[in-house]
Amino acid sequence: MQGNHNEIEKRLWDAAEELRNRYAELCTNSYQECDVLYAKNDNLRRTRKLLLPKLISCEVDVEKIEVQIPNNGGA
């Protein structure tokens, strides 16, 4: 009876390990993308913090700047 219990426990452990590995495989790209997006957001916040006071006080002239916005397919 003990041998049967050990075999069942081993199968459950192997299945759980396989599930953890599959989860890690599926989610790694998402986690990496989140890290990149957090870094980009942090950069945007710092840029805004530096530029906004200069824009408000007219230290930076944006009158003749042409802005090109990429088309992201409606996103």
Protein backbone atom coordinates (compact mmCIF):
# COMPACT_ATOMS: atom_id res chain seq x y z
CA MET A 1 0.00 0.00 0.00
CA GLN A 2 2.84 2.40 0.87
CA GLY A 3 4.46 1.83 -2.56
CA ASN A 4 1.21 2.77 -4.30
CA HIS A 5 0.95 5.92 -2.21
CA ASN A 6 4.52 6.90 -3.12
CA GLU A 7 3.82 6.36 -6.83
CA ILE A 8 0.72 8.56 -6.69
CA GLU A 9 2.66 11.24 -4.81
CA LYS A 10 5.46 11.10 -7.41
CA ARG A 11 2.96 11.45 -10.28
CA LEU A 12 1.31 14.44 -8.60
CA TRP A 13 4.68 16.08 -7.97
CA ASP A 14 5.74 15.51 -11.59
CA ALA A 15 2.45 16.93 -12.88
CA ALA A 16 2.79 20.00 -10.64
CA GLU A 17 6.35 20.54 -11.83
CA GLU A 18 5.26 20.23 -15.45
CA LEU A 19 2.48 22.75 -14.81
CA ARG A 20 4.91 25.19 -13.16
CA ASN A 21 7.31 24.87 -16.08
CA ARG A 22 4.55 25.43 -18.64
CA TYR A 23 3.27 28.46 -16.69
CA ALA A 24 6.79 29.94 -16.57
CA GLU A 25 7.19 29.33 -20.29
CA LEU A 26 3.91 31.06 -21.11
CA CYS A 27 4.33 34.00 -18.74
CA THR A 28 8.01 34.87 -19.14
CA ASN A 29 7.38 37.10 -22.17
CA SER A 30 4.51 38.87 -20.41
CA TYR A 31 6.63 39.58 -17.35
CA GLN A 32 9.48 40.85 -19.53
CA GLU A 33 7.07 43.08 -21.45
CA CYS A 34 5.73 44.47 -18.17
CA ASP A 35 9.28 45.31 -17.08
CA VAL A 36 9.89 47.15 -20.35
CA LEU A 37 6.60 49.06 -20.08
CA TYR A 38 7.31 50.05 -16.45
CA ALA A 39 10.70 51.40 -17.54
CA LYS A 40 9.13 53.34 -20.43
CA ASN A 41 6.47 54.80 -18.12
CA ASP A 42 9.15 55.83 -15.64
CA ASN A 43 11.08 57.52 -18.44
CA LEU A 44 7.93 59.34 -19.59
CA ARG A 45 7.22 60.53 -16.03
CA ARG A 46 10.77 61.89 -15.67
CA THR A 47 10.57 63.59 -19.07
CA ARG A 48 7.22 65.17 -18.19
CA LYS A 49 8.61 66.34 -14.85
CA LEU A 50 11.50 68.05 -16.63
CA LEU A 51 9.59 69.50 -19.58
CA LEU A 52 6.25 70.60 -18.15
CA PRO A 53 7.61 73.52 -16.09
CA LYS A 54 9.63 74.72 -19.10
CA LEU A 55 6.56 74.52 -21.34
CA ILE A 56 4.40 76.40 -18.86
CA SER A 57 7.00 79.15 -18.42
CA CYS A 58 7.56 79.33 -22.21
CA GLU A 59 11.24 78.45 -21.87
CA VAL A 60 10.70 75.90 -24.63
CA ASP A 61 9.12 77.11 -27.86
CA VAL A 62 6.98 74.43 -29.49
CA GLU A 63 5.33 76.71 -32.04
CA LYS A 64 7.15 75.29 -35.06
CA ILE A 65 7.52 71.66 -33.96
CA GLU A 66 5.92 69.12 -36.26
CA VAL A 67 4.58 66.08 -34.45
CA GLN A 68 4.20 62.80 -36.27
CA ILE A 69 2.01 60.27 -34.52
CA PRO A 70 2.47 56.67 -35.69
CA ASN A 71 -0.62 54.77 -36.73
CA ASN A 72 -1.05 51.84 -34.37
CA GLY A 73 -4.02 50.32 -36.14
CA GLY A 74 -6.52 52.26 -34.07
CA ALA A 75 -4.92 51.28 -30.78
